[in-house]
Amino acid sequence: MNGRLLKDYEYYLKIERAMSQNTVASYCSDIEKFLAGISCKVEDISEKEVMEHLDMAGGLSKRSQARKLSALKSFFGWLMTEGLLEDNPCDRIDRPKMGLYLPDVLSVREIDDMISSVDRSTWQGVRDRAILEILYGCGLRVSEAVGLKISCLYLDEGFIRVRGKGDKERLVPIGEMASDAVTEYMGFRPEPAEDAYDDILFLNRFGKPLSRVSMFKMVKKQALVADIRKSISPHTFRHSFATHLIENGADLRVVQDMLGHESIVTTEIYTHIGSETWQKEILTHHPRK
């Protein structure tokens, strides 16, 4: 019974909610663990069972706890639409309070140092530079960069088409430096190993799509080459891009659209990062220091 429910819920997340593959896998994993740990029937689940499950998951970060609660609330909401529950047992459970998360941000100089440190004497180097330019110049998520298609590049017109979270598409402007880097890479791009990879932009040495893990490793390696000791990931370029735009006066709504954020609240975090920058600058040079 529970196995069938989980399959139906997975279908609901994928088809009706159009959630990303990673989110679907995360939610279903949380629900599978919850269902395996309860002794009552699904229709008899109450707030008590949910609280006991969350208590047993002690030791998780507040962010992980919040995600687990979101998964459960989504699952019970779906059960209500299916007529299997009358109330959502998560409605009266408060989300854990989380402090403001401020991601690491690179300065413009550090971005330049990382990109210029790439060895372009090899085709992999030309590819890696194009990846870094795209991550920063277009503010892409790593999944969006990995899945970027050649047919979605409109370099002459100055934009690319990106498929983001929830399978939603958006148009993103691409600057001259990123456009030139991609054009250079296209001259070295390896032959695709299969016809299915013909339209995938970034390939590995075997002619297969570059993986998320490979992109993470490349970014971390390049940070070491550039002697940057911050905690770096592909997402750092997205954070840095958004922060630099806002610091230079870009409208918050424009940045929201470009990043593909559903809520402007998500975009507003970059205004806090910007305020940290000028706060440090003021306090460093304050006459009453």
C-alpha atoms as a PDB file:
ATOM      1  CA  MET A   1       0.000   0.000   0.000  1.00  0.00           C
ATOM      2  CA  ASN A   2       2.686   2.478   1.050  1.00  0.00           C
ATOM      3  CA  GLY A   3       4.806   1.576  -1.992  1.00  0.00           C
ATOM      4  CA  ARG A   4       1.906   2.376  -4.299  1.00  0.00           C
ATOM      5  CA  LEU A   5       1.264   5.649  -2.478  1.00  0.00           C
ATOM      6  CA  LEU A   6       4.891   6.655  -2.843  1.00  0.00           C
ATOM      7  CA  LYS A   7       4.852   5.925  -6.590  1.00  0.00           C
ATOM      8  CA  ASP A   8       1.662   7.957  -7.049  1.00  0.00           C
ATOM      9  CA  TYR A   9       3.104  10.831  -5.005  1.00  0.00           C
ATOM     10  CA  GLU A  10       6.285  10.773  -7.089  1.00  0.00           C
ATOM     11  CA  TYR A  11       4.177  10.972 -10.249  1.00  0.00           C
ATOM     12  CA  TYR A  12       2.270  13.934  -8.764  1.00  0.00           C
ATOM     13  CA  LEU A  13       5.511  15.815  -8.008  1.00  0.00           C
ATOM     14  CA  LYS A  14       6.970  15.151 -11.456  1.00  0.00           C
ATOM     15  CA  ILE A  15       3.924  15.702 -13.654  1.00  0.00           C
ATOM     16  CA  GLU A  16       1.498  17.947 -11.787  1.00  0.00           C
ATOM     17  CA  ARG A  17       3.974  20.005  -9.751  1.00  0.00           C
ATOM     18  CA  ALA A  18       6.748  19.834 -12.401  1.00  0.00           C
ATOM     19  CA  MET A  19       9.417  19.736  -9.704  1.00  0.00           C
ATOM     20  CA  SER A  20      13.063  19.174 -10.545  1.00  0.00           C
ATOM     21  CA  GLN A  21      14.490  15.650 -10.475  1.00  0.00           C
ATOM     22  CA  ASN A  22      16.618  16.473  -7.423  1.00  0.00           C
ATOM     23  CA  THR A  23      13.670  17.879  -5.449  1.00  0.00           C
ATOM     24  CA  VAL A  24      11.483  14.889  -6.331  1.00  0.00           C
ATOM     25  CA  ALA A  25      14.199  12.465  -5.212  1.00  0.00           C
ATOM     26  CA  SER A  26      14.733  14.405  -1.970  1.00  0.00           C
ATOM     27  CA  TYR A  27      11.027  14.610  -1.094  1.00  0.00           C
ATOM     28  CA  CYS A  28      10.361  10.955  -1.921  1.00  0.00           C
ATOM     29  CA  SER A  29      13.346   9.842   0.169  1.00  0.00           C
ATOM     30  CA  ASP A  30      12.001  11.791   3.159  1.00  0.00           C
ATOM     31  CA  ILE A  31       8.510  10.349   2.745  1.00  0.00           C
ATOM     32  CA  GLU A  32       9.813   6.797   2.303  1.00  0.00           C
ATOM     33  CA  LYS A  33      11.695   7.053   5.615  1.00  0.00           C
ATOM     34  CA  PHE A  34       8.633   8.495   7.333  1.00  0.00           C
ATOM     35  CA  LEU A  35       6.299   5.747   6.081  1.00  0.00           C
ATOM     36  CA  ALA A  36       8.804   3.050   7.087  1.00  0.00           C
ATOM     37  CA  GLY A  37       8.855   4.376  10.660  1.00  0.00           C
ATOM     38  CA  ILE A  38       5.120   4.603  11.413  1.00  0.00           C
ATOM     39  CA  SER A  39       2.946   1.754  12.688  1.00  0.00           C
ATOM     40  CA  CYS A  40      -0.482   3.275  12.020  1.00  0.00           C
ATOM     41  CA  LYS A  41      -2.409   3.441   8.774  1.00  0.00           C
ATOM     42  CA  VAL A  42      -1.861   6.448   6.534  1.00  0.00           C
ATOM     43  CA  GLU A  43      -5.392   7.724   7.131  1.00  0.00           C
ATOM     44  CA  ASP A  44      -4.755   7.658  10.908  1.00  0.00           C
ATOM     45  CA  ILE A  45      -1.587   9.803  10.799  1.00  0.00           C
ATOM     46  CA  SER A  46      -1.759  12.692  13.236  1.00  0.00           C
ATOM     47  CA  GLU A  47       0.439  15.547  14.400  1.00  0.00           C
ATOM     48  CA  LYS A  48       1.816  13.178  17.072  1.00  0.00           C
ATOM     49  CA  GLU A  49       3.386  10.805  14.504  1.00  0.00           C
ATOM     50  CA  VAL A  50       4.913  13.704  12.606  1.00  0.00           C
ATOM     51  CA  MET A  51       6.429  15.259  15.736  1.00  0.00           C
ATOM     52  CA  GLU A  52       7.869  11.907  16.832  1.00  0.00           C
ATOM     53  CA  HIS A  53       9.417  11.422  13.391  1.00  0.00           C
ATOM     54  CA  LEU A  54      10.971  14.893  13.426  1.00  0.00           C
ATOM     55  CA  ASP A  55      12.274  14.375  16.979  1.00  0.00           C
ATOM     56  CA  MET A  56      13.945  11.125  15.897  1.00  0.00           C
ATOM     57  CA  ALA A  57      15.696  13.044  13.124  1.00  0.00           C
ATOM     58  CA  GLY A  58      17.571  15.121  15.706  1.00  0.00           C
ATOM     59  CA  GLY A  59      21.059  16.279  14.787  1.00  0.00           C
ATOM     60  CA  LEU A  60      19.986  17.593  11.386  1.00  0.00           C
ATOM     61  CA  SER A  61      20.628  21.214  10.511  1.00  0.00           C
ATOM     62  CA  LYS A  62      17.657  23.554  10.724  1.00  0.00           C
ATOM     63  CA  ARG A  63      17.686  23.800   6.948  1.00  0.00           C
ATOM     64  CA  SER A  64      17.420  19.997   6.621  1.00  0.00           C
ATOM     65  CA  GLN A  65      14.665  19.908   9.235  1.00  0.00           C
ATOM     66  CA  ALA A  66      12.737  22.577   7.326  1.00  0.00           C
ATOM     67  CA  ARG A  67      13.095  20.624   4.081  1.00  0.00           C
ATOM     68  CA  LYS A  68      11.871  17.424   5.745  1.00  0.00           C
ATOM     69  CA  LEU A  69       8.841  19.261   7.150  1.00  0.00           C
ATOM     70  CA  SER A  70       8.122  20.770   3.723  1.00  0.00           C
ATOM     71  CA  ALA A  71       8.196  17.293   2.177  1.00  0.00           C
ATOM     72  CA  LEU A  72       5.787  15.942   4.788  1.00  0.00           C
ATOM     73  CA  LYS A  73       3.433  18.911   4.433  1.00  0.00           C
ATOM     74  CA  SER A  74       3.418  18.462   0.657  1.00  0.00           C
ATOM     75  CA  PHE A  75       2.736  14.728   0.995  1.00  0.00           C
ATOM     76  CA  PHE A  76      -0.163  15.209   3.403  1.00  0.00           C
ATOM     77  CA  GLY A  77      -1.584  17.968   1.228  1.00  0.00           C
ATOM     78  CA  TRP A  78      -1.580  15.529  -1.669  1.00  0.00           C
ATOM     79  CA  LEU A  79      -3.255  12.850   0.497  1.00  0.00           C
ATOM     80  CA  MET A  80      -6.005  15.370   1.256  1.00  0.00           C
ATOM     81  CA  THR A  81      -6.638  15.966  -2.451  1.00  0.00           C
ATOM     82  CA  GLU A  82      -6.825  12.189  -2.861  1.00  0.00           C
ATOM     83  CA  GLY A  83      -9.438  11.983  -0.112  1.00  0.00           C
ATOM     84  CA  LEU A  84      -7.255   9.908   2.219  1.00  0.00           C
ATOM     85  CA  LEU A  85      -6.862  12.587   4.904  1.00  0.00           C
ATOM     86  CA  GLU A  86      -9.215  15.272   6.194  1.00  0.00           C
ATOM     87  CA  ASP A  87      -6.587  17.544   7.742  1.00  0.00           C
ATOM     88  CA  ASN A  88      -2.887  18.202   7.208  1.00  0.00           C
ATOM     89  CA  PRO A  89      -1.092  17.166  10.441  1.00  0.00           C
ATOM     90  CA  CYS A  90       1.748  19.591   9.624  1.00  0.00           C
ATOM     91  CA  ASP A  91      -0.448  22.699   9.687  1.00  0.00           C
ATOM     92  CA  ARG A  92       0.140  23.352  13.387  1.00  0.00           C
ATOM     93  CA  ILE A  93       3.870  22.514  13.356  1.00  0.00           C
ATOM     94  CA  ASP A  94       6.156  25.535  13.158  1.00  0.00           C
ATOM     95  CA  ARG A  95       9.087  25.525  10.775  1.00  0.00           C
ATOM     96  CA  PRO A  96      12.459  25.705  12.553  1.00  0.00           C
ATOM     97  CA  LYS A  97      13.721  29.254  12.778  1.00  0.00           C
ATOM     98  CA  MET A  98      16.747  29.744  10.579  1.00  0.00           C
ATOM     99  CA  GLY A  99      19.210  32.582  10.675  1.00  0.00           C
ATOM    100  CA  LEU A 100      19.861  34.531   7.503  1.00  0.00           C
ATOM    101  CA  TYR A 101      22.032  32.410   5.223  1.00  0.00           C
ATOM    102  CA  LEU A 102      24.676  34.521   3.505  1.00  0.00           C
ATOM    103  CA  PRO A 103      26.573  32.513   0.892  1.00  0.00           C
ATOM    104  CA  ASP A 104      30.227  33.111   0.126  1.00  0.00           C
ATOM    105  CA  VAL A 105      30.692  35.740  -2.578  1.00  0.00           C
ATOM    106  CA  LEU A 106      33.712  36.356  -4.763  1.00  0.00           C
ATOM    107  CA  SER A 107      34.857  39.856  -5.589  1.00  0.00           C
ATOM    108  CA  VAL A 108      35.055  40.960  -9.213  1.00  0.00           C
ATOM    109  CA  ARG A 109      38.838  40.696  -8.919  1.00  0.00           C
ATOM    110  CA  GLU A 110      38.600  37.110  -7.641  1.00  0.00           C
ATOM    111  CA  ILE A 111      36.252  36.199 -10.493  1.00  0.00           C
ATOM    112  CA  ASP A 112      38.767  37.639 -12.965  1.00  0.00           C
ATOM    113  CA  ASP A 113      41.630  35.773 -11.252  1.00  0.00           C
ATOM    114  CA  MET A 114      39.799  32.440 -11.473  1.00  0.00           C
ATOM    115  CA  ILE A 115      38.811  32.813 -15.111  1.00  0.00           C
ATOM    116  CA  SER A 116      42.222  34.100 -16.224  1.00  0.00           C
ATOM    117  CA  SER A 117      43.978  31.260 -14.354  1.00  0.00           C
ATOM    118  CA  VAL A 118      42.478  28.641 -16.673  1.00  0.00           C
ATOM    119  CA  ASP A 119      45.030  26.993 -18.953  1.00  0.00           C
ATOM    120  CA  ARG A 120      43.628  27.494 -22.448  1.00  0.00           C
ATOM    121  CA  SER A 121      46.352  25.464 -24.170  1.00  0.00           C
ATOM    122  CA  THR A 122      44.074  22.399 -23.994  1.00  0.00           C
ATOM    123  CA  TRP A 123      40.520  21.988 -25.258  1.00  0.00           C
ATOM    124  CA  GLN A 124      39.394  21.140 -21.706  1.00  0.00           C
ATOM    125  CA  GLY A 125      40.791  24.481 -20.575  1.00  0.00           C
ATOM    126  CA  VAL A 126      38.876  26.298 -23.300  1.00  0.00           C
ATOM    127  CA  ARG A 127      35.729  24.456 -22.183  1.00  0.00           C
ATOM    128  CA  ASP A 128      36.306  25.196 -18.486  1.00  0.00           C
ATOM    129  CA  ARG A 129      36.777  28.899 -19.181  1.00  0.00           C
ATOM    130  CA  ALA A 130      33.495  28.919 -21.122  1.00  0.00           C
ATOM    131  CA  ILE A 131      31.769  27.213 -18.188  1.00  0.00           C
ATOM    132  CA  LEU A 132      33.068  29.783 -15.703  1.00  0.00           C
ATOM    133  CA  GLU A 133      32.064  32.649 -17.975  1.00  0.00           C
ATOM    134  CA  ILE A 134      28.557  31.175 -18.340  1.00  0.00           C
ATOM    135  CA  LEU A 135      28.149  30.474 -14.607  1.00  0.00           C
ATOM    136  CA  TYR A 136      29.098  34.024 -13.712  1.00  0.00           C
ATOM    137  CA  GLY A 137      28.005  35.975 -16.801  1.00  0.00           C
ATOM    138  CA  CYS A 138      24.516  34.440 -16.858  1.00  0.00           C
ATOM    139  CA  GLY A 139      24.069  33.492 -13.195  1.00  0.00           C
ATOM    140  CA  LEU A 140      23.137  29.893 -13.973  1.00  0.00           C
ATOM    141  CA  ARG A 141      22.532  27.076 -11.519  1.00  0.00           C
ATOM    142  CA  VAL A 142      24.915  24.130 -11.990  1.00  0.00           C
ATOM    143  CA  SER A 143      22.047  21.952 -13.266  1.00  0.00           C
ATOM    144  CA  GLU A 144      21.174  24.642 -15.831  1.00  0.00           C
ATOM    145  CA  ALA A 145      24.777  24.882 -17.039  1.00  0.00           C
ATOM    146  CA  VAL A 146      25.124  21.099 -17.310  1.00  0.00           C
ATOM    147  CA  GLY A 147      21.879  20.836 -19.286  1.00  0.00           C
ATOM    148  CA  LEU A 148      22.472  23.847 -21.535  1.00  0.00           C
ATOM    149  CA  LYS A 149      21.746  23.039 -25.180  1.00  0.00           C
ATOM    150  CA  ILE A 150      23.353  24.420 -28.321  1.00  0.00           C
ATOM    151  CA  SER A 151      19.904  25.024 -29.813  1.00  0.00           C
ATOM    152  CA  CYS A 152      19.195  27.348 -26.861  1.00  0.00           C
ATOM    153  CA  LEU A 153      22.114  29.655 -27.674  1.00  0.00           C
ATOM    154  CA  TYR A 154      21.237  32.865 -29.504  1.00  0.00           C
ATOM    155  CA  LEU A 155      24.647  34.483 -29.314  1.00  0.00           C
ATOM    156  CA  ASP A 156      24.135  36.899 -32.208  1.00  0.00           C
ATOM    157  CA  GLU A 157      21.000  38.194 -30.495  1.00  0.00           C
ATOM    158  CA  GLY A 158      22.733  38.290 -27.098  1.00  0.00           C
ATOM    159  CA  PHE A 159      20.729  35.841 -25.025  1.00  0.00           C
ATOM    160  CA  ILE A 160      20.328  32.161 -24.122  1.00  0.00           C
ATOM    161  CA  ARG A 161      17.245  30.106 -23.262  1.00  0.00           C
ATOM    162  CA  VAL A 162      17.548  28.311 -19.934  1.00  0.00           C
ATOM    163  CA  ARG A 163      15.435  25.504 -18.523  1.00  0.00           C
ATOM    164  CA  GLY A 164      15.388  25.938 -14.745  1.00  0.00           C
ATOM    165  CA  LYS A 165      13.582  24.617 -11.688  1.00  0.00           C
ATOM    166  CA  GLY A 166      10.150  23.171 -12.293  1.00  0.00           C
ATOM    167  CA  ASP A 167      11.062  22.755 -15.964  1.00  0.00           C
ATOM    168  CA  LYS A 168      10.387  26.482 -16.449  1.00  0.00           C
ATOM    169  CA  GLU A 169      12.122  28.296 -19.284  1.00  0.00           C
ATOM    170  CA  ARG A 170      13.492  31.823 -19.146  1.00  0.00           C
ATOM    171  CA  LEU A 171      15.558  34.046 -21.416  1.00  0.00           C
ATOM    172  CA  VAL A 172      18.874  35.253 -19.998  1.00  0.00           C
ATOM    173  CA  PRO A 173      21.084  37.948 -21.551  1.00  0.00           C
ATOM    174  CA  ILE A 174      24.637  36.836 -22.304  1.00  0.00           C
ATOM    175  CA  GLY A 175      27.485  39.322 -22.365  1.00  0.00           C
ATOM    176  CA  GLU A 176      30.260  39.584 -24.915  1.00  0.00           C
ATOM    177  CA  MET A 177      32.931  37.873 -22.787  1.00  0.00           C
ATOM    178  CA  ALA A 178      30.777  34.811 -22.079  1.00  0.00           C
ATOM    179  CA  SER A 179      29.579  34.709 -25.678  1.00  0.00           C
ATOM    180  CA  ASP A 180      33.149  34.826 -27.025  1.00  0.00           C
ATOM    181  CA  ALA A 181      34.234  32.063 -24.617  1.00  0.00           C
ATOM    182  CA  VAL A 182      31.389  29.790 -25.748  1.00  0.00           C
ATOM    183  CA  THR A 183      32.137  30.493 -29.404  1.00  0.00           C
ATOM    184  CA  GLU A 184      35.807  29.602 -28.869  1.00  0.00           C
ATOM    185  CA  TYR A 185      34.837  26.361 -27.103  1.00  0.00           C
ATOM    186  CA  MET A 186      32.510  25.346 -29.931  1.00  0.00           C
ATOM    187  CA  GLY A 187      35.573  25.161 -32.177  1.00  0.00           C
ATOM    188  CA  PHE A 188      37.121  22.558 -29.832  1.00  0.00           C
ATOM    189  CA  ARG A 189      33.986  20.720 -28.663  1.00  0.00           C
ATOM    190  CA  PRO A 190      34.552  16.946 -28.916  1.00  0.00           C
ATOM    191  CA  GLU A 191      32.464  14.699 -31.125  1.00  0.00           C
ATOM    192  CA  PRO A 192      29.365  13.517 -29.218  1.00  0.00           C
ATOM    193  CA  ALA A 193      29.491   9.826 -28.261  1.00  0.00           C
ATOM    194  CA  GLU A 194      25.821   9.358 -29.175  1.00  0.00           C
ATOM    195  CA  ASP A 195      23.239  11.161 -31.285  1.00  0.00           C
ATOM    196  CA  ALA A 196      21.345  11.940 -28.064  1.00  0.00           C
ATOM    197  CA  TYR A 197      24.226  14.227 -27.017  1.00  0.00           C
ATOM    198  CA  ASP A 198      24.386  16.236 -30.249  1.00  0.00           C
ATOM    199  CA  ASP A 199      22.616  19.227 -28.706  1.00  0.00           C
ATOM    200  CA  ILE A 200      24.349  19.191 -25.289  1.00  0.00           C
ATOM    201  CA  LEU A 201      26.822  22.075 -25.058  1.00  0.00           C
ATOM    202  CA  PHE A 202      29.345  20.918 -22.465  1.00  0.00           C
ATOM    203  CA  LEU A 203      30.815  17.449 -23.066  1.00  0.00           C
ATOM    204  CA  ASN A 204      33.576  15.481 -21.362  1.00  0.00           C
ATOM    205  CA  ARG A 205      36.524  13.819 -23.093  1.00  0.00           C
ATOM    206  CA  PHE A 206      34.381  10.790 -23.886  1.00  0.00           C
ATOM    207  CA  GLY A 207      31.851  12.875 -25.782  1.00  0.00           C
ATOM    208  CA  LYS A 208      29.242  12.512 -23.035  1.00  0.00           C
ATOM    209  CA  PRO A 209      27.464  15.289 -21.096  1.00  0.00           C
ATOM    210  CA  LEU A 210      29.543  16.788 -18.330  1.00  0.00           C
ATOM    211  CA  SER A 211      28.160  15.811 -14.919  1.00  0.00           C
ATOM    212  CA  ARG A 212      27.326  18.091 -11.998  1.00  0.00           C
ATOM    213  CA  VAL A 213      30.070  16.410  -9.961  1.00  0.00           C
ATOM    214  CA  SER A 214      32.670  17.073 -12.671  1.00  0.00           C
ATOM    215  CA  MET A 215      31.666  20.728 -12.800  1.00  0.00           C
ATOM    216  CA  PHE A 216      31.948  21.000  -8.998  1.00  0.00           C
ATOM    217  CA  LYS A 217      35.421  19.441  -9.071  1.00  0.00           C
ATOM    218  CA  MET A 218      36.574  21.719 -11.890  1.00  0.00           C
ATOM    219  CA  VAL A 219      35.448  24.855 -10.043  1.00  0.00           C
ATOM    220  CA  LYS A 220      37.141  23.809  -6.785  1.00  0.00           C
ATOM    221  CA  LYS A 221      40.352  22.917  -8.642  1.00  0.00           C
ATOM    222  CA  GLN A 222      40.390  26.263 -10.428  1.00  0.00           C
ATOM    223  CA  ALA A 223      39.879  28.104  -7.138  1.00  0.00           C
ATOM    224  CA  LEU A 224      43.036  26.442  -5.787  1.00  0.00           C
ATOM    225  CA  VAL A 225      44.946  27.344  -8.946  1.00  0.00           C
ATOM    226  CA  ALA A 226      43.892  30.979  -8.473  1.00  0.00           C
ATOM    227  CA  ASP A 227      44.880  30.786  -4.776  1.00  0.00           C
ATOM    228  CA  ILE A 228      41.336  31.537  -3.580  1.00  0.00           C
ATOM    229  CA  ARG A 229      40.693  29.964  -0.169  1.00  0.00           C
ATOM    230  CA  LYS A 230      36.981  30.653   0.178  1.00  0.00           C
ATOM    231  CA  SER A 231      34.431  27.842   0.098  1.00  0.00           C
ATOM    232  CA  ILE A 232      33.766  27.718  -3.643  1.00  0.00           C
ATOM    233  CA  SER A 233      31.176  25.859  -5.713  1.00  0.00           C
ATOM    234  CA  PRO A 234      29.518  26.539  -9.084  1.00  0.00           C
ATOM    235  CA  HIS A 235      26.701  28.256  -7.158  1.00  0.00           C
ATOM    236  CA  THR A 236      29.236  30.780  -5.801  1.00  0.00           C
ATOM    237  CA  PHE A 237      29.383  32.321  -9.281  1.00  0.00           C
ATOM    238  CA  ARG A 238      25.591  32.723  -9.310  1.00  0.00           C
ATOM    239  CA  HIS A 239      25.652  34.349  -5.865  1.00  0.00           C
ATOM    240  CA  SER A 240      28.507  36.639  -6.885  1.00  0.00           C
ATOM    241  CA  PHE A 241      26.824  37.615 -10.160  1.00  0.00           C
ATOM    242  CA  ALA A 242      23.578  38.595  -8.387  1.00  0.00           C
ATOM    243  CA  THR A 243      25.410  40.491  -5.662  1.00  0.00           C
ATOM    244  CA  HIS A 244      27.518  42.459  -8.140  1.00  0.00           C
ATOM    245  CA  LEU A 245      24.437  43.351 -10.202  1.00  0.00           C
ATOM    246  CA  ILE A 246      22.616  44.735  -7.164  1.00  0.00           C
ATOM    247  CA  GLU A 247      25.698  46.550  -5.883  1.00  0.00           C
ATOM    248  CA  ASN A 248      25.930  48.244  -9.284  1.00  0.00           C
ATOM    249  CA  GLY A 249      22.323  49.418  -9.061  1.00  0.00           C
ATOM    250  CA  ALA A 250      20.352  46.725 -10.944  1.00  0.00           C
ATOM    251  CA  ASP A 251      16.627  46.579 -10.139  1.00  0.00           C
ATOM    252  CA  LEU A 252      15.711  43.723  -7.793  1.00  0.00           C
ATOM    253  CA  ARG A 253      12.827  42.574 -10.013  1.00  0.00           C
ATOM    254  CA  VAL A 254      15.107  42.355 -13.035  1.00  0.00           C
ATOM    255  CA  VAL A 255      17.609  40.256 -11.087  1.00  0.00           C
ATOM    256  CA  GLN A 256      14.748  38.049  -9.849  1.00  0.00           C
ATOM    257  CA  ASP A 257      13.610  37.359 -13.419  1.00  0.00           C
ATOM    258  CA  MET A 258      17.125  36.683 -14.639  1.00  0.00           C
ATOM    259  CA  LEU A 259      17.877  34.219 -11.835  1.00  0.00           C
ATOM    260  CA  GLY A 260      14.524  32.479 -12.207  1.00  0.00           C
ATOM    261  CA  HIS A 261      13.462  33.018  -8.573  1.00  0.00           C
ATOM    262  CA  GLU A 262       9.755  32.403  -7.952  1.00  0.00           C
ATOM    263  CA  SER A 263       9.754  34.770  -4.978  1.00  0.00           C
ATOM    264  CA  ILE A 264      11.517  38.110  -4.712  1.00  0.00           C
ATOM    265  CA  VAL A 265      12.231  37.212  -1.065  1.00  0.00           C
ATOM    266  CA  THR A 266      14.852  34.769  -2.358  1.00  0.00           C
ATOM    267  CA  THR A 267      16.474  37.528  -4.411  1.00  0.00           C
ATOM    268  CA  GLU A 268      16.462  39.965  -1.499  1.00  0.00           C
ATOM    269  CA  ILE A 269      19.207  37.985   0.246  1.00  0.00           C
ATOM    270  CA  TYR A 270      21.677  39.641  -2.123  1.00  0.00           C
ATOM    271  CA  THR A 271      20.773  43.060  -0.759  1.00  0.00           C
ATOM    272  CA  HIS A 272      21.937  41.821   2.653  1.00  0.00           C
ATOM    273  CA  ILE A 273      25.223  40.656   1.156  1.00  0.00           C
ATOM    274  CA  GLY A 274      25.668  44.060  -0.428  1.00  0.00           C
ATOM    275  CA  SER A 275      24.976  45.831   2.865  1.00  0.00           C
ATOM    276  CA  GLU A 276      27.654  43.707   4.538  1.00  0.00           C
ATOM    277  CA  THR A 277      30.158  45.007   1.997  1.00  0.00           C
ATOM    278  CA  TRP A 278      29.479  48.690   2.602  1.00  0.00           C
ATOM    279  CA  GLN A 279      29.155  48.156   6.371  1.00  0.00           C
ATOM    280  CA  LYS A 280      32.656  46.665   6.483  1.00  0.00           C
ATOM    281  CA  GLU A 281      33.974  49.479   4.283  1.00  0.00           C
ATOM    282  CA  ILE A 282      32.470  52.169   6.535  1.00  0.00           C
ATOM    283  CA  LEU A 283      33.618  50.584   9.801  1.00  0.00           C
ATOM    284  CA  THR A 284      37.143  50.022   8.446  1.00  0.00           C
ATOM    285  CA  HIS A 285      37.530  53.704   7.595  1.00  0.00           C
ATOM    286  CA  HIS A 286      35.419  55.147  10.415  1.00  0.00           C
ATOM    287  CA  PRO A 287      37.084  58.150  12.176  1.00  0.00           C
ATOM    288  CA  ARG A 288      36.064  56.738  15.584  1.00  0.00           C
ATOM    289  CA  LYS A 289      37.464  53.297  14.862  1.00  0.00           C
END
